[in-house]
Amino acid sequence: MSEFFAHPTAIIDENVEIGEGTKIWHFSHIMPYCKIGKHCNLGQNVVVSPEVVLGDNVKVQNNVSLYTGVICEDDVFIGPSAVFTNVINPRSEINRKDQFRKTIVKKGATIGANATIVCGCTIGEYAFVGAGAVITKDVPAYALVMGNPARQTGWMSEFGNKLYFNAQGIAICKEKGEEYLLKEGKVTKQT
């Protein structure tokens, strides 16, 4: 196992992979067969269920539950008390572990505080899920979504600023100066 920090109250089961420089805080539980990348930060009371995959530099705030089937790519931010599900129709008396659905959070995406991510969805690169949103379908790259159920209300830059497109479909990130193109309902960063 690589060198990482775990608070003495954290529970780390056997057969886990944790990258160098990762920090795991108070009362968190890291279950078997999950993979956590380098330089991640898991706040207090975080549950990482078996076979969850977190890329490098993933930030998971307090009280987040990441259930089997969740895959987060590099540089994902997950706000406090966000919840991911893994079965579409859970019942206590029916075992549906063979029906877990995969949820993918792509590079650089942000999940706001208290958001709920219904299993089987993909959240695109650098998408921004507002606080309290309920995700029930895929979210496009760079999209800003809010509400219950979540609806797209705009577009975001990689730097986390709302994008405003002109008549030619061009927007400039006000903080970073990078240019984005909106074409046929998709946003791409221009090089």
C-alpha atoms as a PDB file:
ATOM      1  CA  MET A   1       0.000   0.000   0.000  1.00  0.00           C
ATOM      2  CA  SER A   2       1.237   3.505  -0.773  1.00  0.00           C
ATOM      3  CA  GLU A   3       1.755   6.272   1.758  1.00  0.00           C
ATOM      4  CA  PHE A   4      -1.503   7.997   2.680  1.00  0.00           C
ATOM      5  CA  PHE A   5      -3.074   9.499   5.798  1.00  0.00           C
ATOM      6  CA  ALA A   6      -6.030   7.934   7.619  1.00  0.00           C
ATOM      7  CA  HIS A   7      -7.472   9.376  10.818  1.00  0.00           C
ATOM      8  CA  PRO A   8      -7.396   6.819  13.667  1.00  0.00           C
ATOM      9  CA  THR A   9     -11.217   6.594  13.640  1.00  0.00           C
ATOM     10  CA  ALA A  10     -11.365   5.722   9.937  1.00  0.00           C
ATOM     11  CA  ILE A  11     -12.007   2.074   9.081  1.00  0.00           C
ATOM     12  CA  ILE A  12     -10.076   0.753   6.106  1.00  0.00           C
ATOM     13  CA  ASP A  13     -10.886  -2.818   5.155  1.00  0.00           C
ATOM     14  CA  GLU A  14      -8.433  -5.217   3.532  1.00  0.00           C
ATOM     15  CA  ASN A  15      -7.941  -5.426  -0.221  1.00  0.00           C
ATOM     16  CA  VAL A  16      -8.209  -1.719  -0.980  1.00  0.00           C
ATOM     17  CA  GLU A  17      -5.949   0.418  -3.127  1.00  0.00           C
ATOM     18  CA  ILE A  18      -5.256   3.941  -1.864  1.00  0.00           C
ATOM     19  CA  GLY A  19      -2.964   6.343  -3.717  1.00  0.00           C
ATOM     20  CA  GLU A  20      -0.085   8.369  -2.378  1.00  0.00           C
ATOM     21  CA  GLY A  21      -0.946  11.622  -0.623  1.00  0.00           C
ATOM     22  CA  THR A  22      -4.621  10.733  -0.090  1.00  0.00           C
ATOM     23  CA  LYS A  23      -6.253  11.805   3.199  1.00  0.00           C
ATOM     24  CA  ILE A  24      -9.128   9.938   4.852  1.00  0.00           C
ATOM     25  CA  TRP A  25     -10.756  11.724   7.771  1.00  0.00           C
ATOM     26  CA  HIS A  26     -12.834  10.938  10.877  1.00  0.00           C
ATOM     27  CA  PHE A  27     -15.301   8.029  10.954  1.00  0.00           C
ATOM     28  CA  SER A  28     -15.000   7.189   7.258  1.00  0.00           C
ATOM     29  CA  HIS A  29     -15.283   3.591   6.051  1.00  0.00           C
ATOM     30  CA  ILE A  30     -13.340   2.323   3.053  1.00  0.00           C
ATOM     31  CA  MET A  31     -14.675  -1.105   2.044  1.00  0.00           C
ATOM     32  CA  PRO A  32     -12.910  -3.978   0.228  1.00  0.00           C
ATOM     33  CA  TYR A  33     -11.947  -3.909  -3.428  1.00  0.00           C
ATOM     34  CA  CYS A  34     -12.331  -0.171  -3.924  1.00  0.00           C
ATOM     35  CA  LYS A  35      -9.657   1.931  -5.580  1.00  0.00           C
ATOM     36  CA  ILE A  36      -8.851   5.478  -4.460  1.00  0.00           C
ATOM     37  CA  GLY A  37      -6.359   7.483  -6.495  1.00  0.00           C
ATOM     38  CA  LYS A  38      -3.538   9.817  -5.518  1.00  0.00           C
ATOM     39  CA  HIS A  39      -4.026  13.075  -3.623  1.00  0.00           C
ATOM     40  CA  CYS A  40      -7.708  12.499  -2.869  1.00  0.00           C
ATOM     41  CA  ASN A  41      -9.386  13.987   0.200  1.00  0.00           C
ATOM     42  CA  LEU A  42     -12.265  12.134   1.875  1.00  0.00           C
ATOM     43  CA  GLY A  43     -13.983  14.147   4.602  1.00  0.00           C
ATOM     44  CA  GLN A  44     -15.499  12.766   7.776  1.00  0.00           C
ATOM     45  CA  ASN A  45     -18.201  10.110   7.723  1.00  0.00           C
ATOM     46  CA  VAL A  46     -17.650   9.133   4.086  1.00  0.00           C
ATOM     47  CA  VAL A  47     -18.638   5.625   2.982  1.00  0.00           C
ATOM     48  CA  VAL A  48     -16.818   4.109   0.006  1.00  0.00           C
ATOM     49  CA  SER A  49     -18.484   0.794  -0.816  1.00  0.00           C
ATOM     50  CA  PRO A  50     -16.851  -2.234  -2.457  1.00  0.00           C
ATOM     51  CA  GLU A  51     -15.537  -1.776  -5.994  1.00  0.00           C
ATOM     52  CA  VAL A  52     -16.009   2.007  -6.085  1.00  0.00           C
ATOM     53  CA  VAL A  53     -13.292   3.720  -8.145  1.00  0.00           C
ATOM     54  CA  LEU A  54     -12.049   7.256  -7.451  1.00  0.00           C
ATOM     55  CA  GLY A  55      -9.446   8.810  -9.759  1.00  0.00           C
ATOM     56  CA  ASP A  56      -6.682  11.178  -8.715  1.00  0.00           C
ATOM     57  CA  ASN A  57      -7.389  14.453  -6.887  1.00  0.00           C
ATOM     58  CA  VAL A  58     -11.009  13.605  -6.075  1.00  0.00           C
ATOM     59  CA  LYS A  59     -12.472  15.690  -3.231  1.00  0.00           C
ATOM     60  CA  VAL A  60     -15.286  14.030  -1.265  1.00  0.00           C
ATOM     61  CA  GLN A  61     -16.800  16.240   1.418  1.00  0.00           C
ATOM     62  CA  ASN A  62     -18.385  15.147   4.732  1.00  0.00           C
ATOM     63  CA  ASN A  63     -21.268  12.658   4.932  1.00  0.00           C
ATOM     64  CA  VAL A  64     -21.100  11.359   1.357  1.00  0.00           C
ATOM     65  CA  SER A  65     -22.156   7.807   0.458  1.00  0.00           C
ATOM     66  CA  LEU A  66     -20.501   6.261  -2.608  1.00  0.00           C
ATOM     67  CA  TYR A  67     -22.113   2.894  -3.331  1.00  0.00           C
ATOM     68  CA  THR A  68     -20.916   0.001  -5.475  1.00  0.00           C
ATOM     69  CA  GLY A  69     -21.100   0.937  -9.148  1.00  0.00           C
ATOM     70  CA  VAL A  70     -19.800   4.503  -8.745  1.00  0.00           C
ATOM     71  CA  ILE A  71     -16.780   5.526 -10.805  1.00  0.00           C
ATOM     72  CA  CYS A  72     -15.349   9.037 -10.464  1.00  0.00           C
ATOM     73  CA  GLU A  73     -12.626  10.131 -12.856  1.00  0.00           C
ATOM     74  CA  ASP A  74      -9.819  12.578 -11.927  1.00  0.00           C
ATOM     75  CA  ASP A  75     -10.483  15.996 -10.367  1.00  0.00           C
ATOM     76  CA  VAL A  76     -14.104  15.340  -9.352  1.00  0.00           C
ATOM     77  CA  PHE A  77     -15.579  17.386  -6.476  1.00  0.00           C
ATOM     78  CA  ILE A  78     -18.434  15.896  -4.431  1.00  0.00           C
ATOM     79  CA  GLY A  79     -20.116  18.292  -2.003  1.00  0.00           C
ATOM     80  CA  PRO A  80     -21.272  17.525   1.544  1.00  0.00           C
ATOM     81  CA  SER A  81     -24.058  14.981   2.049  1.00  0.00           C
ATOM     82  CA  ALA A  82     -24.313  14.026  -1.626  1.00  0.00           C
ATOM     83  CA  VAL A  83     -25.750  10.544  -2.139  1.00  0.00           C
ATOM     84  CA  PHE A  84     -25.294   8.045  -4.940  1.00  0.00           C
ATOM     85  CA  THR A  85     -27.680   5.112  -5.387  1.00  0.00           C
ATOM     86  CA  ASN A  86     -26.969   1.804  -7.084  1.00  0.00           C
ATOM     87  CA  VAL A  87     -30.344   0.049  -7.497  1.00  0.00           C
ATOM     88  CA  ILE A  88     -33.244   1.651  -9.352  1.00  0.00           C
ATOM     89  CA  ASN A  89     -36.016  -0.063  -7.357  1.00  0.00           C
ATOM     90  CA  PRO A  90     -34.705  -1.123  -3.920  1.00  0.00           C
ATOM     91  CA  ARG A  91     -36.775  -3.242  -1.547  1.00  0.00           C
ATOM     92  CA  SER A  92     -35.583  -4.418   1.836  1.00  0.00           C
ATOM     93  CA  GLU A  93     -36.840  -7.974   1.406  1.00  0.00           C
ATOM     94  CA  ILE A  94     -35.503  -8.422  -2.153  1.00  0.00           C
ATOM     95  CA  ASN A  95     -31.786  -8.851  -2.830  1.00  0.00           C
ATOM     96  CA  ARG A  96     -30.938  -6.961  -6.027  1.00  0.00           C
ATOM     97  CA  LYS A  97     -27.139  -6.950  -5.787  1.00  0.00           C
ATOM     98  CA  ASP A  98     -27.039  -8.446  -9.272  1.00  0.00           C
ATOM     99  CA  GLN A  99     -28.863  -5.342 -10.566  1.00  0.00           C
ATOM    100  CA  PHE A 100     -26.413  -2.658  -9.456  1.00  0.00           C
ATOM    101  CA  ARG A 101     -26.177   0.054 -12.117  1.00  0.00           C
ATOM    102  CA  LYS A 102     -22.973   1.886 -12.951  1.00  0.00           C
ATOM    103  CA  THR A 103     -22.771   5.636 -12.378  1.00  0.00           C
ATOM    104  CA  ILE A 104     -19.891   7.525 -13.975  1.00  0.00           C
ATOM    105  CA  VAL A 105     -18.745  11.003 -12.997  1.00  0.00           C
ATOM    106  CA  LYS A 106     -16.361  12.281 -15.658  1.00  0.00           C
ATOM    107  CA  LYS A 107     -13.194  14.332 -15.188  1.00  0.00           C
ATOM    108  CA  GLY A 108     -13.530  17.686 -13.462  1.00  0.00           C
ATOM    109  CA  ALA A 109     -17.257  17.441 -12.687  1.00  0.00           C
ATOM    110  CA  THR A 110     -18.727  19.049  -9.562  1.00  0.00           C
ATOM    111  CA  ILE A 111     -21.579  17.579  -7.519  1.00  0.00           C
ATOM    112  CA  GLY A 112     -23.174  20.137  -5.187  1.00  0.00           C
ATOM    113  CA  ALA A 113     -24.090  19.654  -1.539  1.00  0.00           C
ATOM    114  CA  ASN A 114     -27.076  17.370  -0.850  1.00  0.00           C
ATOM    115  CA  ALA A 115     -27.378  16.304  -4.485  1.00  0.00           C
ATOM    116  CA  THR A 116     -28.787  12.845  -5.181  1.00  0.00           C
ATOM    117  CA  ILE A 117     -27.458  10.881  -8.129  1.00  0.00           C
ATOM    118  CA  VAL A 118     -29.847   8.139  -9.248  1.00  0.00           C
ATOM    119  CA  CYS A 119     -27.856   5.160 -10.489  1.00  0.00           C
ATOM    120  CA  GLY A 120     -27.170   4.495 -14.144  1.00  0.00           C
ATOM    121  CA  CYS A 121     -26.364   8.108 -15.057  1.00  0.00           C
ATOM    122  CA  THR A 122     -23.218   9.611 -16.533  1.00  0.00           C
ATOM    123  CA  ILE A 123     -22.220  13.117 -15.492  1.00  0.00           C
ATOM    124  CA  GLY A 124     -20.086  14.644 -18.245  1.00  0.00           C
ATOM    125  CA  GLU A 125     -16.689  16.307 -18.084  1.00  0.00           C
ATOM    126  CA  TYR A 126     -16.688  19.544 -16.103  1.00  0.00           C
ATOM    127  CA  ALA A 127     -20.468  19.417 -15.612  1.00  0.00           C
ATOM    128  CA  PHE A 128     -21.794  21.265 -12.569  1.00  0.00           C
ATOM    129  CA  VAL A 129     -24.628  19.742 -10.514  1.00  0.00           C
ATOM    130  CA  GLY A 130     -26.224  22.367  -8.271  1.00  0.00           C
ATOM    131  CA  ALA A 131     -26.806  21.877  -4.559  1.00  0.00           C
ATOM    132  CA  GLY A 132     -29.827  19.694  -3.812  1.00  0.00           C
ATOM    133  CA  ALA A 133     -30.298  18.612  -7.425  1.00  0.00           C
ATOM    134  CA  VAL A 134     -31.681  15.162  -8.187  1.00  0.00           C
ATOM    135  CA  ILE A 135     -29.983  13.610 -11.204  1.00  0.00           C
ATOM    136  CA  THR A 136     -32.251  11.150 -13.019  1.00  0.00           C
ATOM    137  CA  LYS A 137     -30.591  11.154 -16.472  1.00  0.00           C
ATOM    138  CA  ASP A 138     -27.226  11.785 -18.113  1.00  0.00           C
ATOM    139  CA  VAL A 139     -25.714  15.267 -17.788  1.00  0.00           C
ATOM    140  CA  PRO A 140     -23.779  16.640 -20.811  1.00  0.00           C
ATOM    141  CA  ALA A 141     -20.184  17.822 -20.526  1.00  0.00           C
ATOM    142  CA  TYR A 142     -19.934  21.418 -19.227  1.00  0.00           C
ATOM    143  CA  ALA A 143     -23.683  21.529 -18.409  1.00  0.00           C
ATOM    144  CA  LEU A 144     -25.049  23.364 -15.366  1.00  0.00           C
ATOM    145  CA  VAL A 145     -28.035  21.483 -13.922  1.00  0.00           C
ATOM    146  CA  MET A 146     -30.291  22.311 -10.965  1.00  0.00           C
ATOM    147  CA  GLY A 147     -33.546  21.243  -9.347  1.00  0.00           C
ATOM    148  CA  ASN A 148     -35.645  18.142  -8.745  1.00  0.00           C
ATOM    149  CA  PRO A 149     -35.577  16.538 -11.192  1.00  0.00           C
ATOM    150  CA  ALA A 150     -32.468  18.329 -12.425  1.00  0.00           C
ATOM    151  CA  ARG A 151     -32.810  20.443 -15.541  1.00  0.00           C
ATOM    152  CA  GLN A 152     -30.089  22.164 -17.501  1.00  0.00           C
ATOM    153  CA  THR A 153     -29.961  25.920 -16.879  1.00  0.00           C
ATOM    154  CA  GLY A 154     -26.691  26.814 -18.586  1.00  0.00           C
ATOM    155  CA  TRP A 155     -23.079  25.904 -19.251  1.00  0.00           C
ATOM    156  CA  MET A 156     -19.927  26.100 -17.112  1.00  0.00           C
ATOM    157  CA  SER A 157     -16.247  26.574 -17.899  1.00  0.00           C
ATOM    158  CA  GLU A 158     -13.562  24.206 -16.686  1.00  0.00           C
ATOM    159  CA  PHE A 159     -12.653  26.914 -14.173  1.00  0.00           C
ATOM    160  CA  GLY A 160     -16.190  26.840 -12.700  1.00  0.00           C
ATOM    161  CA  ASN A 161     -17.703  29.991 -14.182  1.00  0.00           C
ATOM    162  CA  LYS A 162     -21.022  30.282 -15.994  1.00  0.00           C
ATOM    163  CA  LEU A 163     -20.576  30.676 -19.742  1.00  0.00           C
ATOM    164  CA  TYR A 164     -22.523  33.206 -21.817  1.00  0.00           C
ATOM    165  CA  PHE A 165     -22.493  32.451 -25.549  1.00  0.00           C
ATOM    166  CA  ASN A 166     -22.743  35.092 -28.280  1.00  0.00           C
ATOM    167  CA  ALA A 167     -24.647  34.717 -31.563  1.00  0.00           C
ATOM    168  CA  GLN A 168     -21.700  32.828 -33.073  1.00  0.00           C
ATOM    169  CA  GLY A 169     -21.773  30.290 -30.224  1.00  0.00           C
ATOM    170  CA  ILE A 170     -18.573  31.572 -28.596  1.00  0.00           C
ATOM    171  CA  ALA A 171     -18.111  32.181 -24.854  1.00  0.00           C
ATOM    172  CA  ILE A 172     -15.055  33.285 -22.908  1.00  0.00           C
ATOM    173  CA  CYS A 173     -14.410  32.165 -19.327  1.00  0.00           C
ATOM    174  CA  LYS A 174     -14.383  35.452 -17.417  1.00  0.00           C
ATOM    175  CA  GLU A 175     -11.742  34.255 -14.983  1.00  0.00           C
ATOM    176  CA  LYS A 176      -9.400  32.191 -17.158  1.00  0.00           C
ATOM    177  CA  GLY A 177      -9.926  33.776 -20.598  1.00  0.00           C
ATOM    178  CA  GLU A 178     -10.400  30.403 -22.307  1.00  0.00           C
ATOM    179  CA  GLU A 179     -12.740  30.178 -25.293  1.00  0.00           C
ATOM    180  CA  TYR A 180     -15.627  27.707 -25.592  1.00  0.00           C
ATOM    181  CA  LEU A 181     -17.773  26.802 -28.583  1.00  0.00           C
ATOM    182  CA  LEU A 182     -21.456  25.810 -28.396  1.00  0.00           C
ATOM    183  CA  LYS A 183     -22.382  23.851 -31.510  1.00  0.00           C
ATOM    184  CA  GLU A 184     -25.293  21.462 -32.043  1.00  0.00           C
ATOM    185  CA  GLY A 185     -26.076  21.395 -28.320  1.00  0.00           C
ATOM    186  CA  LYS A 186     -22.537  20.510 -27.222  1.00  0.00           C
ATOM    187  CA  VAL A 187     -19.814  22.628 -25.665  1.00  0.00           C
ATOM    188  CA  THR A 188     -16.122  22.179 -26.406  1.00  0.00           C
ATOM    189  CA  LYS A 189     -13.139  24.129 -25.129  1.00  0.00           C
ATOM    190  CA  GLN A 190     -11.134  25.643 -27.979  1.00  0.00           C
ATOM    191  CA  THR A 191      -7.361  25.200 -28.006  1.00  0.00           C
END
